Every structure is written in structure tokens, then in C-alpha cells.
Amino acid sequence: MTYEEALTRLETIVQAMESEELPLESMLARFEEGMNLSKACQAKLAEAELKIKQLEQTQDGTLAVKPASLPELVSEA
């Protein structure tokens, strides 16, 4: 599932939880799904942020991804 798909589904869940009279079991199931989607979105954003931090401009002006050093990866966690 892409970030955009997960975010759209998360928004749908929030709207349903705010507007519908749901039984407790359904509310809990939607809450759990929403939490999982939220974690997935956060992970995708963290991955994108790491890639952006790794971009560097080469001598010919193009962008390339530099390898992350171990301290950078540890500090991100």
C-alpha cells in the first residue's frame, strides 16, 4: 500500500469513527486498523526523509544518493 493509499484509508476511518454510531467491537477494530496505518505512514515518511538527507550533488551537478554511515542510521532510530 502506498503512503497516499494508507493516508486516504486512515482519513476514511477517522471520518467513520467521528460520524457513525458504531458498536464497540467495530470501533476498536477501526481504531486498531487506524493505528497500524498511522505507523505505516510514519515509517514511509521516515524512509523518505532518510533518502532526502542522503542526496548529495555531484561535481557535474546531478544528484546522487550517498551511502548512509552507521552513526547516521543509529541516530535516526
PDB file of N, CA and C in Angstrom:
ATOM      1  N   MET A   1       0.850  -1.169   0.000  1.00  0.00           N
ATOM      2  CA  MET A   1       0.000   0.000   0.000  1.00  0.00           C
ATOM      3  C   MET A   1       0.901   1.239   0.000  1.00  0.00           C
ATOM      4  N   THR A   2       0.591   2.175  -0.872  1.00  0.00           N
ATOM      5  CA  THR A   2       1.388   3.393  -0.934  1.00  0.00           C
ATOM      6  C   THR A   2       1.043   4.305   0.243  1.00  0.00           C
ATOM      7  N   TYR A   3       1.880   5.304   0.437  1.00  0.00           N
ATOM      8  CA  TYR A   3       1.633   6.281   1.500  1.00  0.00           C
ATOM      9  C   TYR A   3       0.277   6.958   1.279  1.00  0.00           C
ATOM     10  N   GLU A   4       0.021   7.363   0.051  1.00  0.00           N
ATOM     11  CA  GLU A   4      -1.220   8.073  -0.262  1.00  0.00           C
ATOM     12  C   GLU A   4      -2.447   7.194  -0.026  1.00  0.00           C
ATOM     13  N   GLU A   5      -2.354   5.911  -0.392  1.00  0.00           N
ATOM     14  CA  GLU A   5      -3.467   4.985  -0.160  1.00  0.00           C
ATOM     15  C   GLU A   5      -3.700   4.791   1.337  1.00  0.00           C
ATOM     16  N   ALA A   6      -2.638   4.637   2.082  1.00  0.00           N
ATOM     17  CA  ALA A   6      -2.761   4.451   3.532  1.00  0.00           C
ATOM     18  C   ALA A   6      -3.355   5.688   4.188  1.00  0.00           C
ATOM     19  N   LEU A   7      -2.914   6.859   3.750  1.00  0.00           N
ATOM     20  CA  LEU A   7      -3.430   8.100   4.319  1.00  0.00           C
ATOM     21  C   LEU A   7      -4.913   8.283   3.996  1.00  0.00           C
ATOM     22  N   THR A   8      -5.299   7.964   2.774  1.00  0.00           N
ATOM     23  CA  THR A   8      -6.711   8.059   2.386  1.00  0.00           C
ATOM     24  C   THR A   8      -7.573   7.119   3.217  1.00  0.00           C
ATOM     25  N   ARG A   9      -7.103   5.891   3.397  1.00  0.00           N
ATOM     26  CA  ARG A   9      -7.850   4.924   4.209  1.00  0.00           C
ATOM     27  C   ARG A   9      -7.931   5.395   5.657  1.00  0.00           C
ATOM     28  N   LEU A  10      -6.852   5.938   6.173  1.00  0.00           N
ATOM     29  CA  LEU A  10      -6.837   6.454   7.539  1.00  0.00           C
ATOM     30  C   LEU A  10      -7.852   7.587   7.694  1.00  0.00           C
ATOM     31  N   GLU A  11      -7.913   8.478   6.724  1.00  0.00           N
ATOM     32  CA  GLU A  11      -8.886   9.577   6.771  1.00  0.00           C
ATOM     33  C   GLU A  11     -10.312   9.041   6.748  1.00  0.00           C
ATOM     34  N   THR A  12     -10.552   8.004   5.959  1.00  0.00           N
ATOM     35  CA  THR A  12     -11.878   7.386   5.892  1.00  0.00           C
ATOM     36  C   THR A  12     -12.266   6.786   7.235  1.00  0.00           C
ATOM     37  N   ILE A  13     -11.313   6.139   7.869  1.00  0.00           N
ATOM     38  CA  ILE A  13     -11.569   5.531   9.185  1.00  0.00           C
ATOM     39  C   ILE A  13     -11.896   6.609  10.212  1.00  0.00           C
ATOM     40  N   VAL A  14     -11.138   7.679  10.217  1.00  0.00           N
ATOM     41  CA  VAL A  14     -11.380   8.761  11.180  1.00  0.00           C
ATOM     42  C   VAL A  14     -12.768   9.364  10.963  1.00  0.00           C
ATOM     43  N   GLN A  15     -13.119   9.617   9.725  1.00  0.00           N
ATOM     44  CA  GLN A  15     -14.445  10.180   9.430  1.00  0.00           C
ATOM     45  C   GLN A  15     -15.551   9.240   9.894  1.00  0.00           C
ATOM     46  N   ALA A  16     -15.398   7.949   9.643  1.00  0.00           N
ATOM     47  CA  ALA A  16     -16.414   6.980  10.056  1.00  0.00           C
ATOM     48  C   ALA A  16     -16.531   6.925  11.571  1.00  0.00           C
ATOM     49  N   MET A  17     -15.406   6.972  12.248  1.00  0.00           N
ATOM     50  CA  MET A  17     -15.441   6.910  13.704  1.00  0.00           C
ATOM     51  C   MET A  17     -16.071   8.165  14.296  1.00  0.00           C
ATOM     52  N   GLU A  18     -15.891   9.295  13.657  1.00  0.00           N
ATOM     53  CA  GLU A  18     -16.456  10.541  14.165  1.00  0.00           C
ATOM     54  C   GLU A  18     -17.937  10.683  13.850  1.00  0.00           C
ATOM     55  N   SER A  19     -18.394  10.096  12.762  1.00  0.00           N
ATOM     56  CA  SER A  19     -19.751  10.371  12.314  1.00  0.00           C
ATOM     57  C   SER A  19     -20.741   9.238  12.535  1.00  0.00           C
ATOM     58  N   GLU A  20     -20.281   8.028  12.733  1.00  0.00           N
ATOM     59  CA  GLU A  20     -21.178   6.886  12.828  1.00  0.00           C
ATOM     60  C   GLU A  20     -21.325   6.403  14.263  1.00  0.00           C
ATOM     61  N   GLU A  21     -22.498   5.866  14.524  1.00  0.00           N
ATOM     62  CA  GLU A  21     -22.727   5.175  15.791  1.00  0.00           C
ATOM     63  C   GLU A  21     -22.310   3.724  15.578  1.00  0.00           C
ATOM     64  N   LEU A  22     -21.127   3.381  16.004  1.00  0.00           N
ATOM     65  CA  LEU A  22     -20.604   2.038  15.783  1.00  0.00           C
ATOM     66  C   LEU A  22     -20.611   1.242  17.081  1.00  0.00           C
ATOM     67  N   PRO A  23     -20.833  -0.066  16.970  1.00  0.00           N
ATOM     68  CA  PRO A  23     -20.690  -0.916  18.150  1.00  0.00           C
ATOM     69  C   PRO A  23     -19.234  -0.878  18.619  1.00  0.00           C
ATOM     70  N   LEU A  24     -19.030  -1.132  19.868  1.00  0.00           N
ATOM     71  CA  LEU A  24     -17.707  -1.079  20.463  1.00  0.00           C
ATOM     72  C   LEU A  24     -16.703  -1.941  19.698  1.00  0.00           C
ATOM     73  N   GLU A  25     -17.095  -3.146  19.321  1.00  0.00           N
ATOM     74  CA  GLU A  25     -16.183  -4.049  18.611  1.00  0.00           C
ATOM     75  C   GLU A  25     -15.737  -3.442  17.276  1.00  0.00           C
ATOM     76  N   SER A  26     -16.663  -2.832  16.550  1.00  0.00           N
ATOM     77  CA  SER A  26     -16.329  -2.200  15.269  1.00  0.00           C
ATOM     78  C   SER A  26     -15.432  -0.990  15.482  1.00  0.00           C
ATOM     79  N   MET A  27     -15.723  -0.223  16.504  1.00  0.00           N
ATOM     80  CA  MET A  27     -14.910   0.953  16.821  1.00  0.00           C
ATOM     81  C   MET A  27     -13.475   0.534  17.160  1.00  0.00           C
ATOM     82  N   LEU A  28     -13.334  -0.512  17.958  1.00  0.00           N
ATOM     83  CA  LEU A  28     -11.998  -0.994  18.316  1.00  0.00           C
ATOM     84  C   LEU A  28     -11.251  -1.532  17.096  1.00  0.00           C
ATOM     85  N   ALA A  29     -11.948  -2.249  16.223  1.00  0.00           N
ATOM     86  CA  ALA A  29     -11.310  -2.786  15.022  1.00  0.00           C
ATOM     87  C   ALA A  29     -10.828  -1.651  14.121  1.00  0.00           C
ATOM     88  N   ARG A  30     -11.638  -0.630  13.962  1.00  0.00           N
ATOM     89  CA  ARG A  30     -11.236   0.519  13.135  1.00  0.00           C
ATOM     90  C   ARG A  30     -10.082   1.284  13.789  1.00  0.00           C
ATOM     91  N   PHE A  31     -10.136   1.411  15.100  1.00  0.00           N
ATOM     92  CA  PHE A  31      -9.048   2.084  15.810  1.00  0.00           C
ATOM     93  C   PHE A  31      -7.732   1.338  15.596  1.00  0.00           C
ATOM     94  N   GLU A  32      -7.772   0.017  15.723  1.00  0.00           N
ATOM     95  CA  GLU A  32      -6.569  -0.794  15.530  1.00  0.00           C
ATOM     96  C   GLU A  32      -6.050  -0.660  14.103  1.00  0.00           C
ATOM     97  N   GLU A  33      -6.939  -0.729  13.126  1.00  0.00           N
ATOM     98  CA  GLU A  33      -6.522  -0.557  11.740  1.00  0.00           C
ATOM     99  C   GLU A  33      -5.916   0.825  11.525  1.00  0.00           C
ATOM    100  N   GLY A  34      -6.540   1.832  12.119  1.00  0.00           N
ATOM    101  CA  GLY A  34      -6.025   3.199  12.000  1.00  0.00           C
ATOM    102  C   GLY A  34      -4.643   3.357  12.607  1.00  0.00           C
ATOM    103  N   MET A  35      -4.414   2.727  13.745  1.00  0.00           N
ATOM    104  CA  MET A  35      -3.097   2.794  14.380  1.00  0.00           C
ATOM    105  C   MET A  35      -2.037   2.125  13.501  1.00  0.00           C
ATOM    106  N   ASN A  36      -2.390   0.985  12.908  1.00  0.00           N
ATOM    107  CA  ASN A  36      -1.449   0.295  12.019  1.00  0.00           C
ATOM    108  C   ASN A  36      -1.154   1.142  10.777  1.00  0.00           C
ATOM    109  N   LEU A  37      -2.167   1.775  10.233  1.00  0.00           N
ATOM    110  CA  LEU A  37      -1.962   2.644   9.070  1.00  0.00           C
ATOM    111  C   LEU A  37      -1.109   3.853   9.441  1.00  0.00           C
ATOM    112  N   SER A  38      -1.348   4.400  10.618  1.00  0.00           N
ATOM    113  CA  SER A  38      -0.565   5.544  11.082  1.00  0.00           C
ATOM    114  C   SER A  38       0.910   5.174  11.206  1.00  0.00           C
ATOM    115  N   LYS A  39       1.193   4.013  11.768  1.00  0.00           N
ATOM    116  CA  LYS A  39       2.576   3.546  11.898  1.00  0.00           C
ATOM    117  C   LYS A  39       3.208   3.334  10.528  1.00  0.00           C
ATOM    118  N   ALA A  40       2.440   2.782   9.602  1.00  0.00           N
ATOM    119  CA  ALA A  40       2.952   2.560   8.249  1.00  0.00           C
ATOM    120  C   ALA A  40       3.274   3.889   7.572  1.00  0.00           C
ATOM    121  N   CYS A  41       2.412   4.881   7.742  1.00  0.00           N
ATOM    122  CA  CYS A  41       2.652   6.210   7.163  1.00  0.00           C
ATOM    123  C   CYS A  41       3.896   6.842   7.779  1.00  0.00           C
ATOM    124  N   GLN A  42       4.042   6.740   9.073  1.00  0.00           N
ATOM    125  CA  GLN A  42       5.219   7.300   9.744  1.00  0.00           C
ATOM    126  C   GLN A  42       6.501   6.634   9.256  1.00  0.00           C
ATOM    127  N   ALA A  43       6.465   5.329   9.048  1.00  0.00           N
ATOM    128  CA  ALA A  43       7.641   4.610   8.567  1.00  0.00           C
ATOM    129  C   ALA A  43       8.006   5.047   7.151  1.00  0.00           C
ATOM    130  N   LYS A  44       7.004   5.220   6.296  1.00  0.00           N
ATOM    131  CA  LYS A  44       7.260   5.660   4.930  1.00  0.00           C
ATOM    132  C   LYS A  44       7.822   7.080   4.907  1.00  0.00           C
ATOM    133  N   LEU A  45       7.316   7.949   5.772  1.00  0.00           N
ATOM    134  CA  LEU A  45       7.841   9.318   5.846  1.00  0.00           C
ATOM    135  C   LEU A  45       9.280   9.321   6.358  1.00  0.00           C
ATOM    136  N   ALA A  46       9.582   8.487   7.339  1.00  0.00           N
ATOM    137  CA  ALA A  46      10.947   8.404   7.867  1.00  0.00           C
ATOM    138  C   ALA A  46      11.902   7.900   6.789  1.00  0.00           C
ATOM    139  N   GLU A  47      11.456   6.936   6.011  1.00  0.00           N
ATOM    140  CA  GLU A  47      12.281   6.413   4.916  1.00  0.00           C
ATOM    141  C   GLU A  47      12.541   7.494   3.867  1.00  0.00           C
ATOM    142  N   ALA A  48      11.510   8.247   3.532  1.00  0.00           N
ATOM    143  CA  ALA A  48      11.671   9.323   2.560  1.00  0.00           C
ATOM    144  C   ALA A  48      12.609  10.407   3.092  1.00  0.00           C
ATOM    145  N   GLU A  49      12.485  10.726   4.368  1.00  0.00           N
ATOM    146  CA  GLU A  49      13.359  11.731   4.975  1.00  0.00           C
ATOM    147  C   GLU A  49      14.822  11.284   4.936  1.00  0.00           C
ATOM    148  N   LEU A  50      15.065  10.021   5.211  1.00  0.00           N
ATOM    149  CA  LEU A  50      16.422   9.492   5.170  1.00  0.00           C
ATOM    150  C   LEU A  50      16.993   9.593   3.759  1.00  0.00           C
ATOM    151  N   LYS A  51      16.197   9.268   2.759  1.00  0.00           N
ATOM    152  CA  LYS A  51      16.661   9.362   1.367  1.00  0.00           C
ATOM    153  C   LYS A  51      16.992  10.801   1.006  1.00  0.00           C
ATOM    154  N   ILE A  52      16.166  11.733   1.459  1.00  0.00           N
ATOM    155  CA  ILE A  52      16.421  13.150   1.171  1.00  0.00           C
ATOM    156  C   ILE A  52      17.716  13.595   1.828  1.00  0.00           C
ATOM    157  N   LYS A  53      17.943  13.163   3.057  1.00  0.00           N
ATOM    158  CA  LYS A  53      19.175  13.523   3.763  1.00  0.00           C
ATOM    159  C   LYS A  53      20.396  12.937   3.085  1.00  0.00           C
ATOM    160  N   GLN A  54      20.227  11.830   2.381  1.00  0.00           N
ATOM    161  CA  GLN A  54      21.349  11.162   1.744  1.00  0.00           C
ATOM    162  C   GLN A  54      21.679  11.737   0.366  1.00  0.00           C
ATOM    163  N   LEU A  55      20.808  12.575  -0.182  1.00  0.00           N
ATOM    164  CA  LEU A  55      21.078  13.140  -1.504  1.00  0.00           C
ATOM    165  C   LEU A  55      22.239  14.112  -1.431  1.00  0.00           C
ATOM    166  N   GLU A  56      23.095  14.040  -2.413  1.00  0.00           N
ATOM    167  CA  GLU A  56      24.188  14.995  -2.497  1.00  0.00           C
ATOM    168  C   GLU A  56      24.404  15.343  -3.966  1.00  0.00           C
ATOM    169  N   GLN A  57      24.875  16.529  -4.192  1.00  0.00           N
ATOM    170  CA  GLN A  57      25.121  16.971  -5.553  1.00  0.00           C
ATOM    171  C   GLN A  57      26.537  16.562  -5.974  1.00  0.00           C
ATOM    172  N   THR A  58      26.636  15.959  -7.154  1.00  0.00           N
ATOM    173  CA  THR A  58      27.933  15.536  -7.661  1.00  0.00           C
ATOM    174  C   THR A  58      28.603  16.701  -8.381  1.00  0.00           C
ATOM    175  N   GLN A  59      29.840  16.505  -8.808  1.00  0.00           N
ATOM    176  CA  GLN A  59      30.592  17.577  -9.472  1.00  0.00           C
ATOM    177  C   GLN A  59      29.944  18.018 -10.775  1.00  0.00           C
ATOM    178  N   ASP A  60      29.262  17.115 -11.464  1.00  0.00           N
ATOM    179  CA  ASP A  60      28.630  17.506 -12.720  1.00  0.00           C
ATOM    180  C   ASP A  60      27.225  18.089 -12.516  1.00  0.00           C
ATOM    181  N   GLY A  61      26.819  18.276 -11.270  1.00  0.00           N
ATOM    182  CA  GLY A  61      25.552  18.928 -10.969  1.00  0.00           C
ATOM    183  C   GLY A  61      24.374  17.995 -10.788  1.00  0.00           C
ATOM    184  N   THR A  62      24.566  16.718 -10.988  1.00  0.00           N
ATOM    185  CA  THR A  62      23.467  15.780 -10.794  1.00  0.00           C
ATOM    186  C   THR A  62      23.367  15.394  -9.320  1.00  0.00           C
ATOM    187  N   LEU A  63      22.230  14.850  -8.966  1.00  0.00           N
ATOM    188  CA  LEU A  63      22.038  14.403  -7.584  1.00  0.00           C
ATOM    189  C   LEU A  63      22.259  12.905  -7.507  1.00  0.00           C
ATOM    190  N   ALA A  64      22.905  12.474  -6.464  1.00  0.00           N
ATOM    191  CA  ALA A  64      23.158  11.060  -6.230  1.00  0.00           C
ATOM    192  C   ALA A  64      22.915  10.760  -4.758  1.00  0.00           C
ATOM    193  N   VAL A  65      22.583   9.531  -4.478  1.00  0.00           N
ATOM    194  CA  VAL A  65      22.362   9.119  -3.092  1.00  0.00           C
ATOM    195  C   VAL A  65      23.692   8.650  -2.526  1.00  0.00           C
ATOM    196  N   LYS A  66      24.105   9.299  -1.443  1.00  0.00           N
ATOM    197  CA  LYS A  66      25.351   8.871  -0.794  1.00  0.00           C
ATOM    198  C   LYS A  66      25.008   7.788   0.207  1.00  0.00           C
ATOM    199  N   PRO A  67      25.884   6.849   0.419  1.00  0.00           N
ATOM    200  CA  PRO A  67      25.608   5.791   1.392  1.00  0.00           C
ATOM    201  C   PRO A  67      25.552   6.359   2.803  1.00  0.00           C
ATOM    202  N   ALA A  68      24.598   5.899   3.582  1.00  0.00           N
ATOM    203  CA  ALA A  68      24.469   6.356   4.966  1.00  0.00           C
ATOM    204  C   ALA A  68      25.522   5.675   5.815  1.00  0.00           C
ATOM    205  N   SER A  69      26.124   6.435   6.698  1.00  0.00           N
ATOM    206  CA  SER A  69      27.086   5.846   7.615  1.00  0.00           C
ATOM    207  C   SER A  69      26.327   5.257   8.798  1.00  0.00           C
ATOM    208  N   LEU A  70      26.940   4.369   9.492  1.00  0.00           N
ATOM    209  CA  LEU A  70      26.306   3.710  10.624  1.00  0.00           C
ATOM    210  C   LEU A  70      25.845   4.703  11.692  1.00  0.00           C
ATOM    211  N   PRO A  71      26.636   5.736  12.069  1.00  0.00           N
ATOM    212  CA  PRO A  71      26.143   6.684  13.074  1.00  0.00           C
ATOM    213  C   PRO A  71      24.878   7.414  12.626  1.00  0.00           C
ATOM    214  N   GLU A  72      24.758   7.730  11.323  1.00  0.00           N
ATOM    215  CA  GLU A  72      23.546   8.398  10.843  1.00  0.00           C
ATOM    216  C   GLU A  72      22.333   7.493  11.019  1.00  0.00           C
ATOM    217  N   LEU A  73      22.491   6.222  10.696  1.00  0.00           N
ATOM    218  CA  LEU A  73      21.382   5.291  10.819  1.00  0.00           C
ATOM    219  C   LEU A  73      20.991   5.082  12.270  1.00  0.00           C
ATOM    220  N   VAL A  74      21.946   5.022  13.165  1.00  0.00           N
ATOM    221  CA  VAL A  74      21.658   4.826  14.587  1.00  0.00           C
ATOM    222  C   VAL A  74      20.978   6.049  15.163  1.00  0.00           C
ATOM    223  N   SER A  75      21.410   7.244  14.789  1.00  0.00           N
ATOM    224  CA  SER A  75      20.804   8.457  15.337  1.00  0.00           C
ATOM    225  C   SER A  75      19.399   8.676  14.842  1.00  0.00           C
ATOM    226  N   GLU A  76      19.044   8.095  13.687  1.00  0.00           N
ATOM    227  CA  GLU A  76      17.696   8.218  13.143  1.00  0.00           C
ATOM    228  C   GLU A  76      16.709   7.351  13.896  1.00  0.00           C
ATOM    229  N   ALA A  77      17.150   6.305  14.516  1.00  0.00           N
ATOM    230  CA  ALA A  77      16.256   5.342  15.176  1.00  0.00           C
ATOM    231  C   ALA A  77      15.681   5.877  16.435  1.00  0.00           C
TER     232      ALA A  77
END
